[in-house]
Amino acid sequence: MPASAKPAKERGAARPALSARLKTAMALLEKRGRPRGEAALARYGIITRKRVMGCSVGDIRYLAKELGRDHALAQALWKQDCYEARLLAAFVADPTQVTPAMMDAWCRTFENWADTDTACFHLFDKTPHAMMKIRSWAKRKPEFEKRAAYALLASLALHDKKTPDAPFLQTLPLIEQAATDDRNFVKKGVLWALRGVGGRSPELRAAAEKLARKLKASDSSSARWIAATALREFAKRKPRPKR
């Protein structure tokens, strides 16, 4: 193969300009799109004001591997008027370059559970700022900004294998405070967080079950639903062995 025919990265050529990389990424999303994407999203309770191309999560993962880590591209993708571009942004962003300001900027524009959870589960929980943002976002009022706190806590509880129990134990009051919020996507996020924290160790399991029993006696129907669901799930699974 002539040297000029080799891919740029094999020839050691400079990376194309961001505008070209963005154009390529959007074209790849367009190519994998399917008709009636909005209807498919609506079946899962995903509402967006942005353009929907109709790409599957599998498509997004595949394209992320093709494109590789590209933090500048991720920031540009997040700003596009396209639902799938936002999901792709979370996969190609570099966690080591994520700043608290960037996390706040993205959080303020979350518009459904899918973009919220994708950013938290695949990107934000890999940053050193995660626990700080959990505490900060738990005070937010908008539904998906508040959900972000608990989606991030659940993601961190699952993926972080090094942090000791103490910081997670300190998040239980945040879960208790939000348990009375009856907005659908907030209460589901709170449940996810309670289950995640309780799954980390026998000690956290005991603390999470204690909180769930307390919530079960609450006047709030949301808190009682969270408690009942969490206790059923805890009863089905054995506590994770202490690390």
Protein backbone atom coordinates (compact mmCIF):
# COMPACT_ATOMS: atom_id res chain seq x y z
CA MET A 1 0.00 0.00 0.00
CA PRO A 2 1.48 3.39 -0.95
CA ALA A 3 2.31 5.58 2.03
CA SER A 4 -0.22 8.15 0.87
CA ALA A 5 -3.01 5.54 0.98
CA LYS A 6 -2.46 4.64 4.64
CA PRO A 7 -4.77 6.07 7.32
CA ALA A 8 -3.56 9.36 8.76
CA LYS A 9 -2.87 7.86 12.19
CA GLU A 10 -0.61 5.20 10.57
CA ARG A 11 1.33 7.86 8.65
CA GLY A 12 1.80 9.93 11.77
CA ALA A 13 -0.13 12.78 10.18
CA ALA A 14 -1.67 15.53 12.24
CA ARG A 15 -5.20 14.96 13.47
CA PRO A 16 -7.82 16.63 11.28
CA ALA A 17 -9.30 19.90 12.50
CA LEU A 18 -12.09 19.68 15.07
CA SER A 19 -14.64 20.88 12.51
CA ALA A 20 -13.71 17.98 10.23
CA ARG A 21 -13.82 15.46 13.09
CA LEU A 22 -17.24 16.74 14.12
CA LYS A 23 -18.51 16.53 10.54
CA THR A 24 -17.27 12.94 10.33
CA ALA A 25 -18.90 11.96 13.63
CA MET A 26 -22.24 13.46 12.67
CA ALA A 27 -22.10 11.75 9.27
CA LEU A 28 -21.47 8.40 10.96
CA LEU A 29 -24.46 8.93 13.22
CA GLU A 30 -26.59 9.90 10.23
CA LYS A 31 -25.51 6.77 8.35
CA ARG A 32 -26.56 4.48 11.22
CA GLY A 33 -29.83 6.28 11.86
CA ARG A 34 -33.23 4.66 11.49
CA PRO A 35 -36.63 6.21 10.75
CA ARG A 36 -39.19 6.84 13.49
CA GLY A 37 -36.50 7.31 16.10
CA GLU A 38 -38.70 9.59 18.21
CA ALA A 39 -41.37 6.89 18.54
CA ALA A 40 -38.78 4.37 19.70
CA LEU A 41 -37.49 6.77 22.35
CA ALA A 42 -40.99 7.62 23.55
CA ARG A 43 -41.64 3.95 24.35
CA TYR A 44 -38.87 4.21 26.94
CA GLY A 45 -40.00 7.52 28.38
CA ILE A 46 -37.22 9.48 26.66
CA ILE A 47 -38.42 12.93 25.63
CA THR A 48 -36.12 15.25 23.76
CA ARG A 49 -36.44 18.57 21.96
CA LYS A 50 -33.43 17.72 19.85
CA ARG A 51 -33.14 16.04 16.49
CA VAL A 52 -33.33 12.25 16.73
CA MET A 53 -31.45 10.15 14.20
CA GLY A 54 -32.62 6.77 15.47
CA CYS A 55 -29.27 5.19 16.42
CA SER A 56 -29.20 2.38 18.94
CA VAL A 57 -26.97 2.35 22.02
CA GLY A 58 -25.02 -0.40 20.27
CA ASP A 59 -24.43 1.98 17.37
CA ILE A 60 -23.21 4.65 19.77
CA ARG A 61 -20.78 2.25 21.44
CA TYR A 62 -19.48 1.05 18.08
CA LEU A 63 -18.90 4.59 16.82
CA ALA A 64 -17.20 5.57 20.07
CA LYS A 65 -14.67 2.78 19.56
CA GLU A 66 -14.15 3.87 15.97
CA LEU A 67 -13.58 7.50 16.93
CA GLY A 68 -11.56 6.89 20.11
CA ARG A 69 -11.12 9.28 23.00
CA ASP A 70 -11.40 12.86 21.79
CA HIS A 71 -12.30 15.38 24.46
CA ALA A 72 -12.62 18.37 22.17
CA LEU A 73 -14.91 16.38 19.91
CA ALA A 74 -17.01 15.33 22.91
CA GLN A 75 -17.55 18.93 23.92
CA ALA A 76 -18.55 19.83 20.37
CA LEU A 77 -20.90 16.86 20.11
CA TRP A 78 -22.65 17.83 23.35
CA LYS A 79 -23.52 21.21 21.86
CA GLN A 80 -25.13 19.75 18.73
CA ASP A 81 -28.89 19.81 18.28
CA CYS A 82 -28.93 16.01 18.20
CA TYR A 83 -29.92 13.49 20.85
CA GLU A 84 -27.49 10.77 19.76
CA ALA A 85 -24.61 13.23 19.52
CA ARG A 86 -24.97 13.83 23.26
CA LEU A 87 -24.80 10.12 24.03
CA LEU A 88 -21.73 9.75 21.83
CA ALA A 89 -20.11 12.68 23.61
CA ALA A 90 -20.21 10.81 26.92
CA PHE A 91 -18.39 7.85 25.40
CA VAL A 92 -15.61 9.72 23.59
CA ALA A 93 -14.86 12.32 26.30
CA ASP A 94 -11.68 11.86 28.30
CA PRO A 95 -12.45 11.52 32.05
CA THR A 96 -9.02 12.89 32.93
CA GLN A 97 -9.91 16.17 31.20
CA VAL A 98 -13.38 16.58 32.69
CA THR A 99 -13.59 19.60 34.98
CA PRO A 100 -16.20 20.44 37.63
CA ALA A 101 -17.29 23.36 35.44
CA MET A 102 -17.87 21.05 32.48
CA MET A 103 -19.89 18.67 34.66
CA ASP A 104 -22.08 21.55 35.83
CA ALA A 105 -22.53 22.83 32.29
CA TRP A 106 -23.70 19.45 31.03
CA CYS A 107 -25.87 18.88 34.09
CA ARG A 108 -27.75 22.13 33.52
CA THR A 109 -28.78 20.92 30.05
CA PHE A 110 -29.86 17.36 30.87
CA GLU A 111 -33.33 16.87 29.40
CA ASN A 112 -34.18 13.19 29.94
CA TRP A 113 -33.08 10.16 31.92
CA ALA A 114 -31.04 8.79 29.01
CA ASP A 115 -28.61 11.67 28.52
CA THR A 116 -28.40 12.07 32.31
CA ASP A 117 -27.61 8.45 33.04
CA THR A 118 -25.28 8.01 30.08
CA ALA A 119 -23.09 10.93 31.16
CA CYS A 120 -23.07 9.79 34.79
CA PHE A 121 -22.59 6.06 34.18
CA HIS A 122 -20.03 6.21 31.38
CA LEU A 123 -18.07 9.40 32.14
CA PHE A 124 -18.65 11.42 35.29
CA ASP A 125 -18.21 8.53 37.72
CA LYS A 126 -14.67 8.08 36.38
CA THR A 127 -13.63 11.57 37.48
CA PRO A 128 -12.24 12.65 40.87
CA HIS A 129 -15.05 15.21 41.12
CA ALA A 130 -17.90 12.70 41.32
CA MET A 131 -18.57 12.69 45.07
CA MET A 132 -18.40 16.47 45.22
CA LYS A 133 -20.97 16.78 42.44
CA ILE A 134 -23.27 14.24 44.08
CA ARG A 135 -23.52 16.47 47.14
CA SER A 136 -23.92 19.61 45.05
CA TRP A 137 -26.48 18.29 42.57
CA ALA A 138 -28.61 16.72 45.32
CA LYS A 139 -29.61 20.31 46.17
CA ARG A 140 -30.77 21.09 42.63
CA LYS A 141 -34.47 21.60 41.87
CA PRO A 142 -34.91 20.66 38.16
CA GLU A 143 -35.89 17.01 37.77
CA PHE A 144 -32.97 15.76 35.70
CA GLU A 145 -30.34 17.84 37.46
CA LYS A 146 -31.48 16.30 40.72
CA ARG A 147 -31.66 12.84 39.20
CA ALA A 148 -28.05 13.32 38.10
CA ALA A 149 -26.92 13.35 41.74
CA TYR A 150 -28.44 9.94 42.38
CA ALA A 151 -27.59 8.42 39.01
CA LEU A 152 -24.00 9.46 39.64
CA LEU A 153 -24.07 8.01 43.17
CA ALA A 154 -25.43 4.71 41.85
CA SER A 155 -22.79 4.63 39.11
CA LEU A 156 -19.98 5.44 41.51
CA ALA A 157 -21.19 2.81 43.98
CA LEU A 158 -21.05 0.19 41.24
CA HIS A 159 -17.81 1.14 39.50
CA ASP A 160 -15.54 2.59 42.21
CA LYS A 161 -13.68 -0.35 43.75
CA LYS A 162 -11.21 1.66 45.83
CA THR A 163 -13.15 4.17 47.95
CA PRO A 164 -13.89 2.90 51.49
CA ASP A 165 -17.38 2.67 52.94
CA ALA A 166 -17.32 5.94 54.91
CA PRO A 167 -17.97 8.39 52.05
CA PHE A 168 -20.84 6.25 50.80
CA LEU A 169 -22.29 5.97 54.29
CA GLN A 170 -22.35 9.77 54.36
CA THR A 171 -24.56 9.84 51.27
CA LEU A 172 -27.46 8.05 52.98
CA PRO A 173 -28.86 11.33 54.42
CA LEU A 174 -28.96 12.68 50.85
CA ILE A 175 -30.97 9.64 49.82
CA GLU A 176 -33.33 10.11 52.76
CA GLN A 177 -33.85 13.79 51.94
CA ALA A 178 -34.74 13.07 48.31
CA ALA A 179 -36.92 10.05 48.98
CA THR A 180 -40.01 12.22 49.39
CA ASP A 181 -39.59 13.76 45.93
CA ASP A 182 -42.39 12.05 43.99
CA ARG A 183 -41.21 13.04 40.52
CA ASN A 184 -40.83 9.83 38.55
CA PHE A 185 -37.26 10.16 37.41
CA VAL A 186 -36.02 11.52 40.72
CA LYS A 187 -37.52 8.76 42.85
CA LYS A 188 -36.24 6.10 40.45
CA GLY A 189 -32.77 7.64 40.66
CA VAL A 190 -32.96 7.67 44.46
CA LEU A 191 -33.95 3.99 44.49
CA TRP A 192 -31.06 3.18 42.15
CA ALA A 193 -28.65 4.98 44.47
CA LEU A 194 -29.97 3.25 47.60
CA ARG A 195 -29.63 -0.16 45.97
CA GLY A 196 -26.15 0.70 44.69
CA VAL A 197 -24.83 1.89 48.04
CA GLY A 198 -26.36 -1.11 49.79
CA GLY A 199 -24.66 -3.45 47.37
CA ARG A 200 -21.13 -2.37 48.14
CA SER A 201 -20.49 -4.21 51.43
CA PRO A 202 -22.25 -5.96 54.32
CA GLU A 203 -21.92 -2.84 56.45
CA LEU A 204 -23.44 -0.57 53.81
CA ARG A 205 -26.11 -3.17 53.14
CA ALA A 206 -27.12 -3.06 56.82
CA ALA A 207 -27.17 0.75 56.80
CA ALA A 208 -29.18 0.88 53.57
CA GLU A 209 -31.71 -1.63 54.89
CA LYS A 210 -32.04 0.37 58.12
CA LEU A 211 -32.78 3.50 56.10
CA ALA A 212 -35.26 1.62 53.92
CA ARG A 213 -37.15 0.40 56.99
CA LYS A 214 -37.30 3.98 58.24
CA LEU A 215 -38.62 5.20 54.88
CA LYS A 216 -41.22 2.46 54.89
CA ALA A 217 -42.94 4.24 57.79
CA SER A 218 -42.91 7.62 56.01
CA ASP A 219 -46.02 9.64 55.19
CA SER A 220 -44.63 10.02 51.67
CA SER A 221 -45.88 7.50 49.10
CA SER A 222 -42.66 8.00 47.14
CA ALA A 223 -40.50 7.15 50.16
CA ARG A 224 -42.62 4.09 50.92
CA TRP A 225 -42.33 2.90 47.30
CA ILE A 226 -38.55 3.33 47.38
CA ALA A 227 -38.35 1.46 50.68
CA ALA A 228 -40.55 -1.44 49.64
CA THR A 229 -38.77 -1.89 46.30
CA ALA A 230 -35.31 -1.69 47.84
CA LEU A 231 -36.13 -4.14 50.63
CA ARG A 232 -37.51 -6.66 48.12
CA GLU A 233 -34.37 -6.39 46.03
CA PHE A 234 -32.07 -6.67 49.05
CA ALA A 235 -33.93 -9.82 50.10
CA LYS A 236 -33.26 -11.42 46.71
CA ARG A 237 -29.50 -11.00 46.74
CA LYS A 238 -26.70 -11.83 49.10
CA PRO A 239 -24.54 -8.98 50.44
CA ARG A 240 -21.33 -8.41 48.55
CA PRO A 241 -18.35 -9.84 50.53
CA LYS A 242 -16.18 -7.25 52.29
CA ARG A 243 -13.25 -6.23 50.10
